[in-house]
């Protein structure tokens, strides 16, 4: 049956049966499309995205090329066996290497700045625990990523960075920063160069597998019938696949107007990674704090939580820019995909459909590898 309000040309060149339909145009979806094209040079590949720009987490993160702060890794060791933690770190490290190779360091302004973890007034117990674990974790990191002496205390950097209410800093030499917007622009360019069609403003409301095909019902009463499909919507995956063990988690972010003489250089974490900040274009970008109201932040609705907003403003004023005047330029929120486990979900729902979700806040690090693994499930 012809679809309503769809011309012959639209059906033939845009909507008509793709070999692969990808739902979600973030890092996972774009990488999956590029990997599928590598295997199938003449395949018809279609990506549909509900937003004008992929707005879940891929374009709304802080641009950290990270694999875990020291306190975060210690927390993981308390909840997982050592080999599982090593495998997690290794997958993030290899994922970053894959992304850098695919996009190119110059195309996403990759900067190997390292990453500081802040220990504030009152964090002495946590610091002593982390400090004592440096030799153990350096051995673990050498096993996981082949880098020696990754963690090191750097007390002299506190004054140099102009930080307030900070007692200790532990440096991770192997992390860095990227420009998220440039990275995504390059991925989109690569997809278009390889004849991968991206349709924005398209919401998939229902997804079923029938008669050896995947049928996606769209918000405009159209439908797409595809040979295979990948759901790459991370924190939104439950909307189409409610039984998938992934929960949405909203994250709030702010950026200041430019600050003359800004001392802060590099990337920073605090509170096991729940607070994070960096410099970008002489501005401070600060985000996180969802652990302060975790229940209410378990949502896929964009917005601002007053409790967290107040905490971020306080952190900015007292820790990052003490006694420095500043003006907040804008706020935004992103949606992560989390769960009881930190390992991402890459699963076949049937012979035609794969889901790739639950990045756990590490989408920059593992998204490209997850996209490749999703395609491997289909071929």
Protein backbone atom coordinates (compact mmCIF):
# COMPACT_ATOMS: atom_id res chain seq x y z
CA UNK A 1 0.00 0.00 0.00
CA UNK A 2 1.37 3.47 -0.88
CA UNK A 3 1.98 5.59 2.18
CA UNK A 4 -0.13 8.74 2.66
CA UNK A 5 1.37 12.06 1.54
CA UNK A 6 4.54 10.41 0.29
CA UNK A 7 5.57 11.05 -3.30
CA UNK A 8 7.06 8.47 -5.58
CA UNK A 9 10.40 10.31 -5.38
CA UNK A 10 10.37 10.41 -1.57
CA UNK A 11 9.52 6.74 -1.38
CA UNK A 12 12.10 5.76 -3.98
CA UNK A 13 15.05 7.89 -2.84
CA UNK A 14 14.50 8.56 0.87
CA UNK A 15 12.12 6.20 2.69
CA UNK A 16 12.09 3.10 0.51
CA UNK A 17 13.31 -0.13 2.07
CA UNK A 18 16.83 0.39 3.49
CA UNK A 19 19.18 -2.49 4.10
CA UNK A 20 19.96 -0.94 7.49
CA UNK A 21 17.83 1.48 9.50
CA UNK A 22 19.57 3.15 12.44
CA UNK A 23 17.52 4.99 15.04
CA UNK A 24 19.64 7.71 16.63
CA UNK A 25 22.35 9.85 15.00
CA UNK A 26 24.79 10.14 17.90
CA UNK A 27 28.26 8.65 18.11
CA UNK A 28 26.95 5.06 18.25
CA UNK A 29 24.52 5.44 15.36
CA UNK A 30 26.95 7.26 13.06
CA UNK A 31 29.79 4.87 13.78
CA UNK A 32 27.51 1.88 13.17
CA UNK A 33 26.48 3.33 9.82
CA UNK A 34 30.10 3.89 8.77
CA UNK A 35 31.06 0.36 9.83
CA UNK A 36 28.14 -1.17 7.94
CA UNK A 37 29.14 0.80 4.85
CA UNK A 38 32.68 -0.60 5.15
CA UNK A 39 31.27 -4.12 4.94
CA UNK A 40 28.55 -3.37 2.39
CA UNK A 41 29.67 -0.65 -0.08
CA UNK A 42 26.40 -0.62 -2.05
CA UNK A 43 23.93 -1.01 0.83
CA UNK A 44 21.15 1.52 1.42
CA UNK A 45 21.68 2.95 4.91
CA UNK A 46 19.21 5.30 6.58
CA UNK A 47 19.59 7.05 9.96
CA UNK A 48 16.55 8.68 11.54
CA UNK A 49 16.89 11.22 14.34
CA UNK A 50 14.04 12.87 16.25
CA UNK A 51 15.96 16.09 16.95
CA UNK A 52 17.45 18.70 14.61
CA UNK A 53 20.81 17.64 16.13
CA UNK A 54 21.50 14.41 18.02
CA UNK A 55 20.53 15.83 21.38
CA UNK A 56 20.72 12.96 23.86
CA UNK A 57 24.32 13.02 24.99
CA UNK A 58 26.60 13.03 21.95
CA UNK A 59 26.33 16.80 21.44
CA UNK A 60 25.61 17.69 25.07
CA UNK A 61 28.60 16.27 26.95
CA UNK A 62 31.64 18.07 28.36
CA UNK A 63 34.06 16.86 25.71
CA UNK A 64 36.16 14.72 28.05
CA UNK A 65 38.36 12.02 26.53
CA UNK A 66 38.33 10.07 29.79
CA UNK A 67 38.11 6.53 31.11
CA UNK A 68 37.65 7.07 34.86
CA UNK A 69 38.89 9.22 37.72
CA UNK A 70 40.82 7.55 40.53
CA UNK A 71 37.92 7.63 43.00
CA UNK A 72 35.53 6.35 40.32
CA UNK A 73 37.81 3.40 39.57
CA UNK A 74 38.10 2.60 43.28
CA UNK A 75 34.32 2.68 43.56
CA UNK A 76 34.09 0.29 40.60
CA UNK A 77 36.53 -2.08 42.32
CA UNK A 78 34.21 -2.19 45.32
CA UNK A 79 31.30 -3.30 43.12
CA UNK A 80 33.04 -5.41 40.46
CA UNK A 81 35.90 -7.88 40.37
CA UNK A 82 39.28 -6.55 39.24
CA UNK A 83 39.21 -8.19 35.81
CA UNK A 84 35.83 -6.62 35.04
CA UNK A 85 37.21 -3.18 35.93
CA UNK A 86 40.32 -3.79 33.81
CA UNK A 87 38.10 -4.79 30.89
CA UNK A 88 35.96 -1.66 31.34
CA UNK A 89 38.99 0.65 31.33
CA UNK A 90 40.54 -1.18 28.39
CA UNK A 91 37.32 -0.86 26.36
CA UNK A 92 37.18 2.89 27.05
CA UNK A 93 40.83 3.38 26.13
CA UNK A 94 40.49 1.39 22.92
CA UNK A 95 37.24 3.18 22.11
CA UNK A 96 38.94 6.57 22.40
CA UNK A 97 41.73 5.34 20.13
CA UNK A 98 39.14 4.18 17.60
CA UNK A 99 37.33 7.53 17.70
CA UNK A 100 40.58 9.45 17.29
CA UNK A 101 41.55 7.33 14.30
CA UNK A 102 38.13 7.65 12.69
CA UNK A 103 37.68 11.40 13.18
CA UNK A 104 41.28 12.59 13.38
CA UNK A 105 42.73 14.51 16.33
CA UNK A 106 42.83 17.79 14.41
CA UNK A 107 39.16 17.48 13.42
CA UNK A 108 37.98 17.34 17.02
CA UNK A 109 40.68 19.42 18.72
CA UNK A 110 41.94 16.50 20.76
CA UNK A 111 44.18 17.77 23.56
CA UNK A 112 46.18 15.33 25.75
CA UNK A 113 45.90 17.62 28.77
CA UNK A 114 45.59 14.96 31.44
CA UNK A 115 42.82 15.14 34.03
CA UNK A 116 42.85 16.33 37.63
CA UNK A 117 40.69 14.93 40.40
CA UNK A 118 39.87 17.49 43.09
CA UNK A 119 39.63 16.67 46.78
CA UNK A 120 37.94 19.50 48.66
CA UNK A 121 37.76 20.48 52.31
CA UNK A 122 36.18 17.53 54.08
CA UNK A 123 37.35 14.96 51.51
CA UNK A 124 40.42 13.89 53.51
CA UNK A 125 39.21 10.34 54.11
CA UNK A 126 38.51 9.81 50.43
CA UNK A 127 41.83 11.39 49.47
CA UNK A 128 43.82 9.18 51.85
CA UNK A 129 42.08 6.15 50.39
CA UNK A 130 42.84 7.24 46.83
CA UNK A 131 46.40 8.31 47.64
CA UNK A 132 47.18 4.98 49.27
CA UNK A 133 45.79 3.16 46.23
CA UNK A 134 47.96 4.98 43.65
CA UNK A 135 50.59 2.18 43.40
CA UNK A 136 47.88 -0.49 43.05
CA UNK A 137 45.93 1.48 40.47
CA UNK A 138 49.03 2.35 38.48
CA UNK A 139 49.71 -1.37 38.14
CA UNK A 140 46.09 -1.93 37.13
CA UNK A 141 46.30 0.85 34.53
CA UNK A 142 49.49 -0.58 33.07
CA UNK A 143 47.68 -3.88 32.64
CA UNK A 144 44.59 -2.23 31.15
CA UNK A 145 46.06 0.40 28.81
CA UNK A 146 49.82 -0.21 28.75
CA UNK A 147 50.63 3.17 30.36
CA UNK A 148 52.98 3.44 33.34
CA UNK A 149 52.49 5.74 36.33
CA UNK A 150 49.13 7.11 35.19
CA UNK A 151 48.18 8.57 38.59
CA UNK A 152 50.28 11.04 40.54
CA UNK A 153 49.57 13.60 43.26
CA UNK A 154 50.19 17.20 42.19
CA UNK A 155 49.73 19.51 45.20
CA UNK A 156 51.54 22.45 43.61
CA UNK A 157 48.93 22.73 40.88
CA UNK A 158 46.22 23.91 43.30
CA UNK A 159 47.52 27.46 43.51
CA UNK A 160 48.58 27.53 39.88
CA UNK A 161 45.04 26.67 38.78
CA UNK A 162 43.51 29.22 41.16
CA UNK A 163 41.22 26.69 42.85
CA UNK A 164 39.38 27.34 46.11
CA UNK A 165 38.40 24.94 48.91
CA UNK A 166 40.78 22.38 47.43
CA UNK A 167 43.19 20.39 49.59
CA UNK A 168 44.60 17.86 47.13
CA UNK A 169 44.86 17.07 43.43
CA UNK A 170 45.61 13.71 41.82
CA UNK A 171 46.58 13.84 38.17
CA UNK A 172 45.68 11.27 35.52
CA UNK A 173 48.25 11.83 32.77
CA UNK A 174 46.51 9.70 30.12
CA UNK A 175 43.19 11.50 29.68
CA UNK A 176 42.36 14.57 27.62
CA UNK A 177 39.73 16.78 26.03
CA UNK A 178 37.98 17.14 22.68
CA UNK A 179 35.66 19.64 21.01
CA UNK A 180 32.36 17.76 21.00
CA UNK A 181 30.74 19.88 18.30
CA UNK A 182 33.61 19.53 15.85
CA UNK A 183 33.78 15.78 16.51
CA UNK A 184 30.09 15.33 15.68
CA UNK A 185 30.29 17.57 12.62
CA UNK A 186 33.12 15.41 11.26
CA UNK A 187 31.21 12.17 11.91
CA UNK A 188 28.20 13.57 10.06
CA UNK A 189 30.42 14.69 7.18
CA UNK A 190 31.96 11.22 6.96
CA UNK A 191 28.50 9.65 6.85
CA UNK A 192 27.33 11.95 4.06
CA UNK A 193 30.51 11.37 2.07
CA UNK A 194 29.72 7.66 2.17
CA UNK A 195 26.16 8.10 0.91
CA UNK A 196 24.54 7.51 4.31
CA UNK A 197 21.23 9.37 4.50
CA UNK A 198 20.30 11.14 7.75
CA UNK A 199 16.71 12.30 8.27
CA UNK A 200 16.19 14.68 11.20
CA UNK A 201 12.90 15.50 12.89
CA UNK A 202 11.73 11.90 12.55
CA UNK A 203 10.40 10.11 15.63
CA UNK A 204 9.97 6.34 15.62
CA UNK A 205 6.91 5.60 17.74
CA UNK A 206 6.76 1.83 17.33
CA UNK A 207 9.17 -0.85 16.18
CA UNK A 208 8.22 -4.42 15.29
CA UNK A 209 9.77 -7.31 13.41
CA UNK A 210 7.42 -9.07 11.00
CA UNK A 211 7.68 -11.03 7.75
CA UNK A 212 11.51 -11.00 7.80
CA UNK A 213 11.73 -7.23 8.09
CA UNK A 214 11.77 -4.50 10.73
CA UNK A 215 8.86 -2.08 10.52
CA UNK A 216 9.26 1.36 12.09
CA UNK A 217 6.08 3.40 12.56
CA UNK A 218 6.82 7.12 12.41
CA UNK A 219 5.15 10.10 14.04
CA UNK A 220 3.72 11.30 10.71
CA UNK A 221 1.91 8.03 9.92
CA UNK A 222 4.68 6.94 7.58
CA UNK A 223 6.50 3.68 8.08
CA UNK A 224 9.92 2.39 7.15
CA UNK A 225 10.44 -1.26 6.29
CA UNK A 226 14.06 -2.29 6.65
CA UNK A 227 16.03 -5.50 6.30
CA UNK A 228 17.90 -4.78 9.55
CA UNK A 229 17.75 -2.12 12.26
CA UNK A 230 19.86 -0.84 15.14
CA UNK A 231 18.38 1.09 18.07
CA UNK A 232 21.14 3.53 19.07
CA UNK A 233 19.22 5.93 21.30
CA UNK A 234 21.02 5.16 24.60
CA UNK A 235 18.97 6.68 27.45
CA UNK A 236 15.86 6.79 25.27
CA UNK A 237 16.05 3.11 24.27
CA UNK A 238 13.37 2.14 26.79
CA UNK A 239 10.81 4.13 24.79
CA UNK A 240 10.97 1.57 21.98
CA UNK A 241 12.23 -1.44 23.94
CA UNK A 242 10.79 -1.15 27.47
CA UNK A 243 12.33 -4.41 28.69
CA UNK A 244 15.91 -3.23 28.07
CA UNK A 245 17.73 -2.70 31.43
CA UNK A 246 18.72 0.91 30.78
CA UNK A 247 17.50 3.99 32.63
CA UNK A 248 17.64 7.60 31.48
CA UNK A 249 19.68 9.99 33.61
CA UNK A 250 19.56 13.73 33.08
CA UNK A 251 22.74 15.76 33.45
CA UNK A 252 22.85 19.54 33.84
CA UNK A 253 25.64 21.66 32.33
CA UNK A 254 26.53 25.37 32.30
CA UNK A 255 29.10 27.47 30.50
CA UNK A 256 30.27 30.95 31.49
CA UNK A 257 30.95 33.93 29.32
CA UNK A 258 34.67 34.42 28.49
CA UNK A 259 36.83 35.24 31.52
CA UNK A 260 39.92 37.42 31.14
CA UNK A 261 43.02 35.83 32.65
CA UNK A 262 41.37 32.48 33.32
CA UNK A 263 43.87 30.25 35.13
CA UNK A 264 42.04 26.94 34.83
CA UNK A 265 43.72 24.72 32.25
CA UNK A 266 42.75 21.14 31.53
CA UNK A 267 39.95 18.84 32.63
CA UNK A 268 38.81 18.19 36.21
CA UNK A 269 36.66 15.71 38.12
CA UNK A 270 35.29 15.74 41.66
CA UNK A 271 33.11 13.43 43.76
CA UNK A 272 33.87 10.21 41.85
CA UNK A 273 33.23 11.97 38.56
CA UNK A 274 29.80 13.36 39.46
CA UNK A 275 31.12 16.92 39.10
CA UNK A 276 33.31 17.81 36.15
CA UNK A 277 34.64 20.99 34.58
CA UNK A 278 37.09 22.29 32.01
CA UNK A 279 38.15 25.40 30.12
CA UNK A 280 36.82 26.02 26.61
CA UNK A 281 37.48 29.26 24.71
CA UNK A 282 38.45 31.01 27.99
CA UNK A 283 35.16 29.94 29.53
CA UNK A 284 34.39 27.45 32.29
CA UNK A 285 32.17 24.53 31.36
CA UNK A 286 30.80 22.81 34.46
CA UNK A 287 28.35 19.95 34.74
CA UNK A 288 27.07 17.06 36.81
CA UNK A 289 25.56 16.83 40.26
CA UNK A 290 22.79 14.36 39.37
CA UNK A 291 23.73 12.27 42.41
CA UNK A 292 22.34 15.10 44.58
CA UNK A 293 18.80 14.29 43.44
CA UNK A 294 19.19 10.98 41.62
CA UNK A 295 15.54 9.94 41.74
CA UNK A 296 14.22 13.09 40.09
CA UNK A 297 17.02 13.05 37.54
CA UNK A 298 16.04 9.59 36.34
CA UNK A 299 14.11 11.15 33.48
CA UNK A 300 14.33 11.52 29.70
CA UNK A 301 12.82 15.01 29.85
CA UNK A 302 15.21 17.89 29.23
CA UNK A 303 15.13 20.58 31.90
CA UNK A 304 16.77 22.07 34.99
CA UNK A 305 16.69 20.74 38.53
CA UNK A 306 16.76 23.61 41.06
CA UNK A 307 18.69 21.62 43.68
CA UNK A 308 21.42 20.71 41.21
CA UNK A 309 21.46 24.13 39.59
CA UNK A 310 22.07 25.73 43.00
CA UNK A 311 24.87 23.26 43.75
CA UNK A 312 26.61 23.94 40.43
CA UNK A 313 26.44 27.70 40.94
CA UNK A 314 27.96 27.25 44.41
CA UNK A 315 30.69 24.95 43.11
CA UNK A 316 31.54 27.41 40.34
CA UNK A 317 31.79 30.33 42.76
CA UNK A 318 33.60 28.68 45.67
CA UNK A 319 35.81 26.03 44.06
CA UNK A 320 36.53 26.97 40.46
CA UNK A 321 36.43 30.78 40.47
CA UNK A 322 36.86 31.97 44.06
CA UNK A 323 36.92 35.76 44.27
CA UNK A 324 36.59 36.03 40.49
CA UNK A 325 33.66 37.77 38.84
CA UNK A 326 31.91 35.70 36.19
CA UNK A 327 28.65 35.49 34.31
CA UNK A 328 26.87 32.29 33.29
CA UNK A 329 26.18 32.35 29.56
CA UNK A 330 23.86 29.36 29.18
CA UNK A 331 22.52 26.13 30.67
CA UNK A 332 21.56 22.88 29.00
CA UNK A 333 20.83 19.29 29.89
CA UNK A 334 21.67 15.98 28.27
CA UNK A 335 20.27 12.48 28.74
CA UNK A 336 22.59 9.60 29.63
CA UNK A 337 21.82 5.90 29.62
CA UNK A 338 22.72 4.09 32.86
CA UNK A 339 21.94 0.83 34.63
CA UNK A 340 22.97 -1.55 37.38
CA UNK A 341 25.98 -2.56 35.30
CA UNK A 342 28.47 -0.26 33.57
CA UNK A 343 28.99 -2.60 30.64
CA UNK A 344 27.03 -1.33 27.61
CA UNK A 345 24.14 -3.30 26.16
CA UNK A 346 24.86 -4.63 22.68
CA UNK A 347 22.25 -7.31 22.09
CA UNK A 348 20.35 -8.96 19.29
CA UNK A 349 16.62 -8.79 19.89
CA UNK A 350 16.15 -11.11 16.92
CA UNK A 351 17.87 -11.84 13.60
CA UNK A 352 16.88 -8.40 12.28
CA UNK A 353 17.17 -6.06 15.25
CA UNK A 354 20.05 -5.02 17.54
CA UNK A 355 20.03 -2.58 20.44
CA UNK A 356 23.14 -0.61 21.44
CA UNK A 357 22.60 1.41 24.62
CA UNK A 358 23.67 2.14 28.21
CA UNK A 359 26.88 4.11 27.69
CA UNK A 360 27.00 4.93 31.42
CA UNK A 361 28.22 8.47 30.84
CA UNK A 362 31.19 7.20 28.80
CA UNK A 363 29.74 7.64 25.32
CA UNK A 364 32.69 9.63 24.01
CA UNK A 365 35.03 6.86 25.11
CA UNK A 366 33.07 3.79 24.08
CA UNK A 367 30.46 4.99 21.59
CA UNK A 368 32.47 4.23 18.47
CA UNK A 369 33.34 0.72 19.66
CA UNK A 370 29.72 0.06 20.62
CA UNK A 371 28.60 1.10 17.14
CA UNK A 372 31.07 -1.29 15.52
CA UNK A 373 30.05 -4.13 17.85
CA UNK A 374 26.36 -3.55 17.04
CA UNK A 375 27.08 -4.08 13.34
CA UNK A 376 29.08 -7.22 14.10
CA UNK A 377 25.90 -8.67 15.64
CA UNK A 378 24.18 -8.37 12.25
CA UNK A 379 26.83 -9.64 9.85
